[in-house]
PDB file of N, CA and C in Angstrom:
ATOM      1  N   MET A   1      10.479  11.541   6.516  1.00  0.00           N
ATOM      2  CA  MET A   1       9.020  11.526   7.575  1.00  0.00           C
ATOM      3  C   MET A   1       8.737  10.133   6.432  1.00  0.00           C
ATOM      4  N   ARG A   2       8.078   9.187   7.550  1.00  0.00           N
ATOM      5  CA  ARG A   2       6.934   7.880   7.356  1.00  0.00           C
ATOM      6  C   ARG A   2       5.762   7.607   7.980  1.00  0.00           C
ATOM      7  N   THR A   3       5.070   6.991   7.752  1.00  0.00           N
ATOM      8  CA  THR A   3       3.369   6.470   8.266  1.00  0.00           C
ATOM      9  C   THR A   3       3.654   5.291   7.804  1.00  0.00           C
ATOM     10  N   TRP A   4       2.375   4.935   8.651  1.00  0.00           N
ATOM     11  CA  TRP A   4       2.060   3.195   8.489  1.00  0.00           C
ATOM     12  C   TRP A   4       0.475   3.537   8.524  1.00  0.00           C
ATOM     13  N   TYR A   5      -0.212   2.593   7.573  1.00  0.00           N
ATOM     14  CA  TYR A   5      -1.164   1.839   7.179  1.00  0.00           C
ATOM     15  C   TYR A   5      -1.582   0.431   6.964  1.00  0.00           C
ATOM     16  N   GLY A   6      -2.876   0.674   7.627  1.00  0.00           N
ATOM     17  CA  GLY A   6      -3.263  -1.194   7.187  1.00  0.00           C
ATOM     18  C   GLY A   6      -4.252  -1.126   5.883  1.00  0.00           C
ATOM     19  N   VAL A   7      -3.787  -2.369   5.059  1.00  0.00           N
ATOM     20  CA  VAL A   7      -5.188  -2.438   4.092  1.00  0.00           C
ATOM     21  C   VAL A   7      -5.586  -3.723   4.284  1.00  0.00           C
ATOM     22  N   TYR A   8      -6.841  -3.630   4.528  1.00  0.00           N
ATOM     23  CA  TYR A   8      -7.778  -4.860   4.814  1.00  0.00           C
ATOM     24  C   TYR A   8      -8.216  -5.267   3.554  1.00  0.00           C
ATOM     25  N   ARG A   9      -7.105  -6.371   2.380  1.00  0.00           N
ATOM     26  CA  ARG A   9      -7.521  -6.939   1.187  1.00  0.00           C
ATOM     27  C   ARG A   9      -8.903  -7.235   0.923  1.00  0.00           C
ATOM     28  N   GLN A  10      -9.864  -8.288   1.592  1.00  0.00           N
ATOM     29  CA  GLN A  10     -10.983  -8.712   1.578  1.00  0.00           C
ATOM     30  C   GLN A  10     -11.900  -7.898   1.376  1.00  0.00           C
ATOM     31  N   LYS A  11     -11.707  -6.828   2.316  1.00  0.00           N
ATOM     32  CA  LYS A  11     -12.381  -5.529   2.429  1.00  0.00           C
ATOM     33  C   LYS A  11     -12.480  -5.013   1.211  1.00  0.00           C
ATOM     34  N   ILE A  12     -11.534  -4.173   0.224  1.00  0.00           N
ATOM     35  CA  ILE A  12     -11.114  -3.401  -0.514  1.00  0.00           C
ATOM     36  C   ILE A  12     -11.929  -4.415  -1.859  1.00  0.00           C
ATOM     37  N   GLU A  13     -11.906  -6.079  -1.653  1.00  0.00           N
ATOM     38  CA  GLU A  13     -12.138  -6.473  -2.956  1.00  0.00           C
ATOM     39  C   GLU A  13     -13.915  -6.549  -2.844  1.00  0.00           C
ATOM     40  N   LEU A  14     -14.469  -6.961  -1.940  1.00  0.00           N
ATOM     41  CA  LEU A  14     -16.056  -7.714  -1.424  1.00  0.00           C
ATOM     42  C   LEU A  14     -16.490  -5.956  -1.724  1.00  0.00           C
ATOM     43  N   GLU A  15     -16.077  -4.843  -1.049  1.00  0.00           N
ATOM     44  CA  GLU A  15     -16.671  -3.006  -0.971  1.00  0.00           C
ATOM     45  C   GLU A  15     -16.969  -3.030  -2.282  1.00  0.00           C
ATOM     46  N   ASP A  16     -17.849  -1.982  -2.126  1.00  0.00           N
ATOM     47  CA  ASP A  16     -18.152  -1.413  -3.523  1.00  0.00           C
ATOM     48  C   ASP A  16     -16.914  -0.052  -3.680  1.00  0.00           C
ATOM     49  N   TYR A  17     -15.477  -0.459  -2.923  1.00  0.00           N
ATOM     50  CA  TYR A  17     -14.751   1.175  -3.314  1.00  0.00           C
ATOM     51  C   TYR A  17     -14.012   1.376  -5.161  1.00  0.00           C
ATOM     52  N   ASN A  18     -14.129   2.321  -5.323  1.00  0.00           N
ATOM     53  CA  ASN A  18     -13.404   2.671  -5.997  1.00  0.00           C
ATOM     54  C   ASN A  18     -12.029   2.771  -6.233  1.00  0.00           C
ATOM     55  N   TYR A  19     -11.187   3.727  -5.242  1.00  0.00           N
ATOM     56  CA  TYR A  19     -10.183   4.119  -5.184  1.00  0.00           C
ATOM     57  C   TYR A  19      -9.772   3.994  -2.947  1.00  0.00           C
ATOM     58  N   ILE A  20      -8.340   3.671  -2.712  1.00  0.00           N
ATOM     59  CA  ILE A  20      -7.994   3.767  -1.717  1.00  0.00           C
ATOM     60  C   ILE A  20      -7.625   5.064  -1.649  1.00  0.00           C
ATOM     61  N   CYS A  21      -7.537   5.721  -0.633  1.00  0.00           N
ATOM     62  CA  CYS A  21      -7.278   6.872  -0.496  1.00  0.00           C
ATOM     63  C   CYS A  21      -5.953   7.263   1.036  1.00  0.00           C
ATOM     64  N   PHE A  22      -4.548   7.393   0.661  1.00  0.00           N
ATOM     65  CA  PHE A  22      -4.102   8.153   2.165  1.00  0.00           C
ATOM     66  C   PHE A  22      -3.817   9.146   2.183  1.00  0.00           C
ATOM     67  N   ASN A  23      -4.130   9.069   3.336  1.00  0.00           N
ATOM     68  CA  ASN A  23      -3.762  10.914   3.746  1.00  0.00           C
ATOM     69  C   ASN A  23      -3.170  10.772   4.812  1.00  0.00           C
ATOM     70  N   ILE A  24      -2.119  11.808   4.620  1.00  0.00           N
ATOM     71  CA  ILE A  24      -0.534  12.118   5.236  1.00  0.00           C
ATOM     72  C   ILE A  24      -1.493  13.602   5.797  1.00  0.00           C
ATOM     73  N   LYS A  25      -1.248  13.618   7.493  1.00  0.00           N
ATOM     74  CA  LYS A  25      -2.542  14.752   7.456  1.00  0.00           C
ATOM     75  C   LYS A  25      -1.170  15.628   6.959  1.00  0.00           C
ATOM     76  N   GLY A  26      -1.607  16.431   6.962  1.00  0.00           N
ATOM     77  CA  GLY A  26      -1.106  18.566   6.001  1.00  0.00           C
ATOM     78  C   GLY A  26       0.130  18.254   5.749  1.00  0.00           C
ATOM     79  N   LYS A  27      -0.088  17.420   5.010  1.00  0.00           N
ATOM     80  CA  LYS A  27       1.363  16.738   3.535  1.00  0.00           C
ATOM     81  C   LYS A  27       0.563  16.768   2.291  1.00  0.00           C
ATOM     82  N   ARG A  28      -0.259  15.528   2.661  1.00  0.00           N
ATOM     83  CA  ARG A  28      -0.866  14.733   1.360  1.00  0.00           C
ATOM     84  C   ARG A  28      -1.598  13.945   1.480  1.00  0.00           C
ATOM     85  N   LYS A  29      -2.617  13.946   0.166  1.00  0.00           N
ATOM     86  CA  LYS A  29      -2.717  12.742  -0.450  1.00  0.00           C
ATOM     87  C   LYS A  29      -2.909  11.333  -1.052  1.00  0.00           C
ATOM     88  N   PHE A  30      -2.740  10.543  -0.936  1.00  0.00           N
ATOM     89  CA  PHE A  30      -2.475   9.912  -2.738  1.00  0.00           C
ATOM     90  C   PHE A  30      -3.905   9.113  -2.457  1.00  0.00           C
ATOM     91  N   TYR A  31      -3.832   8.875  -3.673  1.00  0.00           N
ATOM     92  CA  TYR A  31      -5.276   7.879  -4.512  1.00  0.00           C
ATOM     93  C   TYR A  31      -4.802   6.339  -5.409  1.00  0.00           C
ATOM     94  N   PHE A  32      -5.282   5.641  -5.071  1.00  0.00           N
ATOM     95  CA  PHE A  32      -5.372   4.949  -5.660  1.00  0.00           C
ATOM     96  C   PHE A  32      -5.888   3.947  -6.097  1.00  0.00           C
ATOM     97  N   GLU A  33      -6.480   3.944  -7.948  1.00  0.00           N
ATOM     98  CA  GLU A  33      -7.597   3.713  -7.919  1.00  0.00           C
ATOM     99  C   GLU A  33      -7.539   1.235  -7.320  1.00  0.00           C
ATOM    100  N   LYS A  34      -8.434   1.150  -6.584  1.00  0.00           N
ATOM    101  CA  LYS A  34      -8.606  -0.539  -6.512  1.00  0.00           C
ATOM    102  C   LYS A  34      -8.305  -1.155  -7.186  1.00  0.00           C
ATOM    103  N   GLU A  35      -8.502  -1.553  -8.097  1.00  0.00           N
ATOM    104  CA  GLU A  35      -7.593  -2.553  -9.424  1.00  0.00           C
ATOM    105  C   GLU A  35      -6.085  -2.368  -9.133  1.00  0.00           C
ATOM    106  N   GLN A  36      -5.573  -0.900  -9.273  1.00  0.00           N
ATOM    107  CA  GLN A  36      -3.963  -0.322  -9.161  1.00  0.00           C
ATOM    108  C   GLN A  36      -3.376  -0.627  -7.942  1.00  0.00           C
ATOM    109  N   PHE A  37      -4.546  -0.825  -6.644  1.00  0.00           N
ATOM    110  CA  PHE A  37      -3.912  -1.323  -5.641  1.00  0.00           C
ATOM    111  C   PHE A  37      -3.790  -2.635  -5.820  1.00  0.00           C
ATOM    112  N   ILE A  38      -3.932  -3.757  -5.485  1.00  0.00           N
ATOM    113  CA  ILE A  38      -4.900  -4.254  -5.688  1.00  0.00           C
ATOM    114  C   ILE A  38      -3.209  -5.840  -7.034  1.00  0.00           C
ATOM    115  N   GLY A  39      -3.647  -4.998  -7.938  1.00  0.00           N
ATOM    116  CA  GLY A  39      -2.410  -5.707  -9.198  1.00  0.00           C
ATOM    117  C   GLY A  39      -1.086  -5.092  -8.471  1.00  0.00           C
ATOM    118  N   LEU A  40      -0.562  -4.337  -7.605  1.00  0.00           N
ATOM    119  CA  LEU A  40       0.185  -3.800  -6.787  1.00  0.00           C
ATOM    120  C   LEU A  40       0.564  -4.710  -5.951  1.00  0.00           C
ATOM    121  N   ILE A  41      -0.544  -6.203  -5.320  1.00  0.00           N
ATOM    122  CA  ILE A  41       0.125  -6.491  -4.453  1.00  0.00           C
ATOM    123  C   ILE A  41       0.120  -8.129  -5.077  1.00  0.00           C
ATOM    124  N   GLU A  42      -0.384  -8.268  -6.097  1.00  0.00           N
ATOM    125  CA  GLU A  42      -0.342  -8.982  -7.057  1.00  0.00           C
ATOM    126  C   GLU A  42       0.997  -8.976  -8.034  1.00  0.00           C
ATOM    127  N   ASN A  43       1.546  -7.970  -8.407  1.00  0.00           N
ATOM    128  CA  ASN A  43       2.590  -8.342  -8.943  1.00  0.00           C
ATOM    129  C   ASN A  43       3.881  -8.146  -8.063  1.00  0.00           C
ATOM    130  N   ILE A  44       3.699  -7.467  -7.304  1.00  0.00           N
ATOM    131  CA  ILE A  44       5.102  -7.421  -6.215  1.00  0.00           C
ATOM    132  C   ILE A  44       5.129  -8.638  -5.199  1.00  0.00           C
ATOM    133  N   ILE A  45       4.712  -8.758  -4.498  1.00  0.00           N
ATOM    134  CA  ILE A  45       4.359  -9.350  -3.772  1.00  0.00           C
ATOM    135  C   ILE A  45       4.156 -11.281  -4.045  1.00  0.00           C
ATOM    136  N   THR A  46       5.038 -12.408  -3.765  1.00  0.00           N
ATOM    137  CA  THR A  46       4.914 -13.330  -3.572  1.00  0.00           C
ATOM    138  C   THR A  46       4.382 -14.037  -3.538  1.00  0.00           C
ATOM    139  N   LYS A  47       3.039 -15.257  -4.300  1.00  0.00           N
ATOM    140  CA  LYS A  47       1.813 -15.626  -4.084  1.00  0.00           C
ATOM    141  C   LYS A  47       2.258 -16.415  -1.747  1.00  0.00           C
ATOM    142  N   PRO A  48       2.967 -17.023  -1.730  1.00  0.00           N
ATOM    143  CA  PRO A  48       2.599 -17.307  -0.456  1.00  0.00           C
ATOM    144  C   PRO A  48       3.076 -16.214   0.645  1.00  0.00           C
ATOM    145  N   GLU A  49       3.624 -14.844   0.286  1.00  0.00           N
ATOM    146  CA  GLU A  49       3.317 -13.772   0.946  1.00  0.00           C
ATOM    147  C   GLU A  49       2.126 -13.105   1.272  1.00  0.00           C
ATOM    148  N   GLN A  50       1.224 -12.740  -0.163  1.00  0.00           N
ATOM    149  CA  GLN A  50       0.271 -12.879  -0.616  1.00  0.00           C
ATOM    150  C   GLN A  50      -1.037 -13.329   0.386  1.00  0.00           C
ATOM    151  N   VAL A  51      -0.368 -15.120   0.578  1.00  0.00           N
ATOM    152  CA  VAL A  51      -1.507 -16.149   1.233  1.00  0.00           C
ATOM    153  C   VAL A  51      -1.047 -15.717   3.130  1.00  0.00           C
ATOM    154  N   LYS A  52       0.025 -15.034   3.855  1.00  0.00           N
ATOM    155  CA  LYS A  52       0.739 -15.329   4.861  1.00  0.00           C
ATOM    156  C   LYS A  52      -0.488 -13.860   5.604  1.00  0.00           C
ATOM    157  N   TYR A  53      -0.620 -13.126   4.613  1.00  0.00           N
ATOM    158  CA  TYR A  53      -0.674 -11.315   4.820  1.00  0.00           C
ATOM    159  C   TYR A  53      -2.367 -11.683   4.635  1.00  0.00           C
ATOM    160  N   ASP A  54      -2.427 -12.121   3.418  1.00  0.00           N
ATOM    161  CA  ASP A  54      -4.098 -12.103   3.378  1.00  0.00           C
ATOM    162  C   ASP A  54      -5.300 -12.805   4.764  1.00  0.00           C
ATOM    163  N   LYS A  55      -4.401 -14.517   5.282  1.00  0.00           N
ATOM    164  CA  LYS A  55      -4.755 -15.023   6.860  1.00  0.00           C
ATOM    165  C   LYS A  55      -4.709 -13.622   8.000  1.00  0.00           C
ATOM    166  N   ARG A  56      -3.658 -13.207   7.928  1.00  0.00           N
ATOM    167  CA  ARG A  56      -3.424 -11.807   9.143  1.00  0.00           C
ATOM    168  C   ARG A  56      -4.733 -10.943   8.519  1.00  0.00           C
ATOM    169  N   LYS A  57      -5.136 -10.430   7.135  1.00  0.00           N
ATOM    170  CA  LYS A  57      -6.388  -9.920   7.155  1.00  0.00           C
ATOM    171  C   LYS A  57      -5.367  -8.239   6.858  1.00  0.00           C
ATOM    172  N   SER A  58      -4.568  -7.888   7.139  1.00  0.00           N
ATOM    173  CA  SER A  58      -3.781  -6.972   6.618  1.00  0.00           C
ATOM    174  C   SER A  58      -2.449  -6.841   6.010  1.00  0.00           C
ATOM    175  N   TYR A  59      -2.711  -5.659   5.026  1.00  0.00           N
ATOM    176  CA  TYR A  59      -1.282  -5.349   4.737  1.00  0.00           C
ATOM    177  C   TYR A  59      -0.542  -4.189   4.658  1.00  0.00           C
ATOM    178  N   ASP A  60       0.930  -4.726   5.689  1.00  0.00           N
ATOM    179  CA  ASP A  60       0.761  -3.179   6.365  1.00  0.00           C
ATOM    180  C   ASP A  60       2.040  -2.204   5.093  1.00  0.00           C
ATOM    181  N   ASN A  61       0.996  -1.471   5.272  1.00  0.00           N
ATOM    182  CA  ASN A  61       2.435  -0.125   4.640  1.00  0.00           C
ATOM    183  C   ASN A  61       2.784   0.905   5.306  1.00  0.00           C
ATOM    184  N   TYR A  62       3.796   0.797   4.443  1.00  0.00           N
ATOM    185  CA  TYR A  62       5.035   2.552   4.838  1.00  0.00           C
ATOM    186  C   TYR A  62       4.965   3.234   3.678  1.00  0.00           C
ATOM    187  N   ILE A  63       4.411   4.683   3.731  1.00  0.00           N
ATOM    188  CA  ILE A  63       4.079   5.448   3.384  1.00  0.00           C
ATOM    189  C   ILE A  63       5.842   6.177   3.334  1.00  0.00           C
ATOM    190  N   TYR A  64       6.796   6.336   2.425  1.00  0.00           N
ATOM    191  CA  TYR A  64       7.651   7.832   3.712  1.00  0.00           C
ATOM    192  C   TYR A  64       8.227   9.046   2.075  1.00  0.00           C
ATOM    193  N   GLN A  65       8.213   9.793   2.584  1.00  0.00           N
ATOM    194  CA  GLN A  65       9.169  10.784   1.896  1.00  0.00           C
ATOM    195  C   GLN A  65      10.903  10.921   1.867  1.00  0.00           C
ATOM    196  N   ASN A  66      11.476  11.267   1.188  1.00  0.00           N
ATOM    197  CA  ASN A  66      12.747  11.001   1.406  1.00  0.00           C
ATOM    198  C   ASN A  66      12.804  12.572   1.765  1.00  0.00           C
ATOM    199  N   HIS A  67      14.662  13.050   1.642  1.00  0.00           N
ATOM    200  CA  HIS A  67      15.057  14.654   1.723  1.00  0.00           C
ATOM    201  C   HIS A  67      14.546  15.176   0.533  1.00  0.00           C
ATOM    202  N   GLN A  68      14.638  14.354  -0.494  1.00  0.00           N
ATOM    203  CA  GLN A  68      14.127  14.974  -1.582  1.00  0.00           C
ATOM    204  C   GLN A  68      12.808  15.540  -2.331  1.00  0.00           C
ATOM    205  N   GLY A  69      11.900  15.214  -1.243  1.00  0.00           N
ATOM    206  CA  GLY A  69      10.312  15.445  -1.254  1.00  0.00           C
ATOM    207  C   GLY A  69       9.707  14.301  -1.883  1.00  0.00           C
ATOM    208  N   ASP A  70      10.252  13.175  -2.243  1.00  0.00           N
ATOM    209  CA  ASP A  70       9.472  12.132  -3.499  1.00  0.00           C
ATOM    210  C   ASP A  70       9.132  11.047  -2.458  1.00  0.00           C
ATOM    211  N   TRP A  71       8.277  10.754  -2.648  1.00  0.00           N
ATOM    212  CA  TRP A  71       7.172   9.960  -1.450  1.00  0.00           C
ATOM    213  C   TRP A  71       7.172   8.417  -2.430  1.00  0.00           C
ATOM    214  N   TYR A  72       7.297   7.580  -1.640  1.00  0.00           N
ATOM    215  CA  TYR A  72       7.669   5.921  -1.738  1.00  0.00           C
ATOM    216  C   TYR A  72       6.719   4.939  -0.878  1.00  0.00           C
ATOM    217  N   ILE A  73       6.073   4.191  -1.132  1.00  0.00           N
ATOM    218  CA  ILE A  73       5.521   3.150  -0.412  1.00  0.00           C
ATOM    219  C   ILE A  73       7.171   1.979  -0.233  1.00  0.00           C
ATOM    220  N   LYS A  74       7.724   1.765   0.938  1.00  0.00           N
ATOM    221  CA  LYS A  74       8.639   1.202   1.383  1.00  0.00           C
ATOM    222  C   LYS A  74       8.424  -0.696   2.053  1.00  0.00           C
ATOM    223  N   ARG A  75       6.443  -0.410   2.403  1.00  0.00           N
ATOM    224  CA  ARG A  75       6.654  -1.734   2.597  1.00  0.00           C
ATOM    225  C   ARG A  75       5.354  -2.198   2.082  1.00  0.00           C
ATOM    226  N   LEU A  76       4.735  -3.141   1.838  1.00  0.00           N
ATOM    227  CA  LEU A  76       3.733  -3.855   1.311  1.00  0.00           C
ATOM    228  C   LEU A  76       3.188  -4.759   1.757  1.00  0.00           C
ATOM    229  N   GLY A  77       2.686  -5.504   2.844  1.00  0.00           N
ATOM    230  CA  GLY A  77       2.838  -6.557   3.964  1.00  0.00           C
ATOM    231  C   GLY A  77       4.359  -6.553   3.745  1.00  0.00           C
ATOM    232  N   SER A  78       5.310  -6.815   3.127  1.00  0.00           N
ATOM    233  CA  SER A  78       6.708  -7.482   3.749  1.00  0.00           C
ATOM    234  C   SER A  78       7.468  -6.076   3.393  1.00  0.00           C
ATOM    235  N   HIS A  79       8.885  -5.860   3.315  1.00  0.00           N
ATOM    236  CA  HIS A  79       9.710  -5.305   3.545  1.00  0.00           C
ATOM    237  C   HIS A  79       9.443  -4.875   2.097  1.00  0.00           C
ATOM    238  N   LEU A  80       9.541  -3.862   1.038  1.00  0.00           N
ATOM    239  CA  LEU A  80      10.328  -4.182  -0.095  1.00  0.00           C
ATOM    240  C   LEU A  80      11.610  -3.628  -0.870  1.00  0.00           C
ATOM    241  N   LEU A  81      12.052  -4.693  -1.328  1.00  0.00           N
ATOM    242  CA  LEU A  81      13.779  -4.467  -1.600  1.00  0.00           C
ATOM    243  C   LEU A  81      13.573  -2.992  -2.891  1.00  0.00           C
ATOM    244  N   THR A  82      13.005  -2.703  -4.015  1.00  0.00           N
ATOM    245  CA  THR A  82      12.999  -1.992  -4.572  1.00  0.00           C
ATOM    246  C   THR A  82      11.329  -1.029  -4.374  1.00  0.00           C
ATOM    247  N   HIS A  83      11.954   0.061  -3.308  1.00  0.00           N
ATOM    248  CA  HIS A  83      10.439   0.710  -3.169  1.00  0.00           C
ATOM    249  C   HIS A  83       9.508   0.941  -4.194  1.00  0.00           C
ATOM    250  N   ILE A  84       8.249   1.200  -4.737  1.00  0.00           N
ATOM    251  CA  ILE A  84       7.797   2.360  -5.243  1.00  0.00           C
ATOM    252  C   ILE A  84       7.716   3.521  -4.731  1.00  0.00           C
ATOM    253  N   LYS A  85       8.486   4.805  -6.048  1.00  0.00           N
ATOM    254  CA  LYS A  85       8.239   6.045  -5.996  1.00  0.00           C
ATOM    255  C   LYS A  85       6.557   5.850  -6.551  1.00  0.00           C
ATOM    256  N   ILE A  86       5.852   6.943  -5.887  1.00  0.00           N
ATOM    257  CA  ILE A  86       4.393   7.477  -5.847  1.00  0.00           C
ATOM    258  C   ILE A  86       4.459   8.386  -6.605  1.00  0.00           C
ATOM    259  N   VAL A  87       3.970   8.699  -7.240  1.00  0.00           N
ATOM    260  CA  VAL A  87       3.780  10.190  -8.505  1.00  0.00           C
ATOM    261  C   VAL A  87       2.448  10.717  -8.035  1.00  0.00           C
TER     262      VAL A  87
END
């Protein structure tokens, strides 16, 4: 299973949000603290890539589930070479 979400970094930095919720209808909800999610962007994506997606105003996120039932972020703006396991 794979699903796509767009996250607007400027909006989450400016708005008074405490967390981001990815709701995979009928399957699962994943919650990230706002600072935790921004940290993923800043620690995983290169600065030039961050500028690119900030200009586009959206970080495309692909969340997928493998056959063993584990969930991962496969794309955070750009395709990730190492997927981020969601615990």
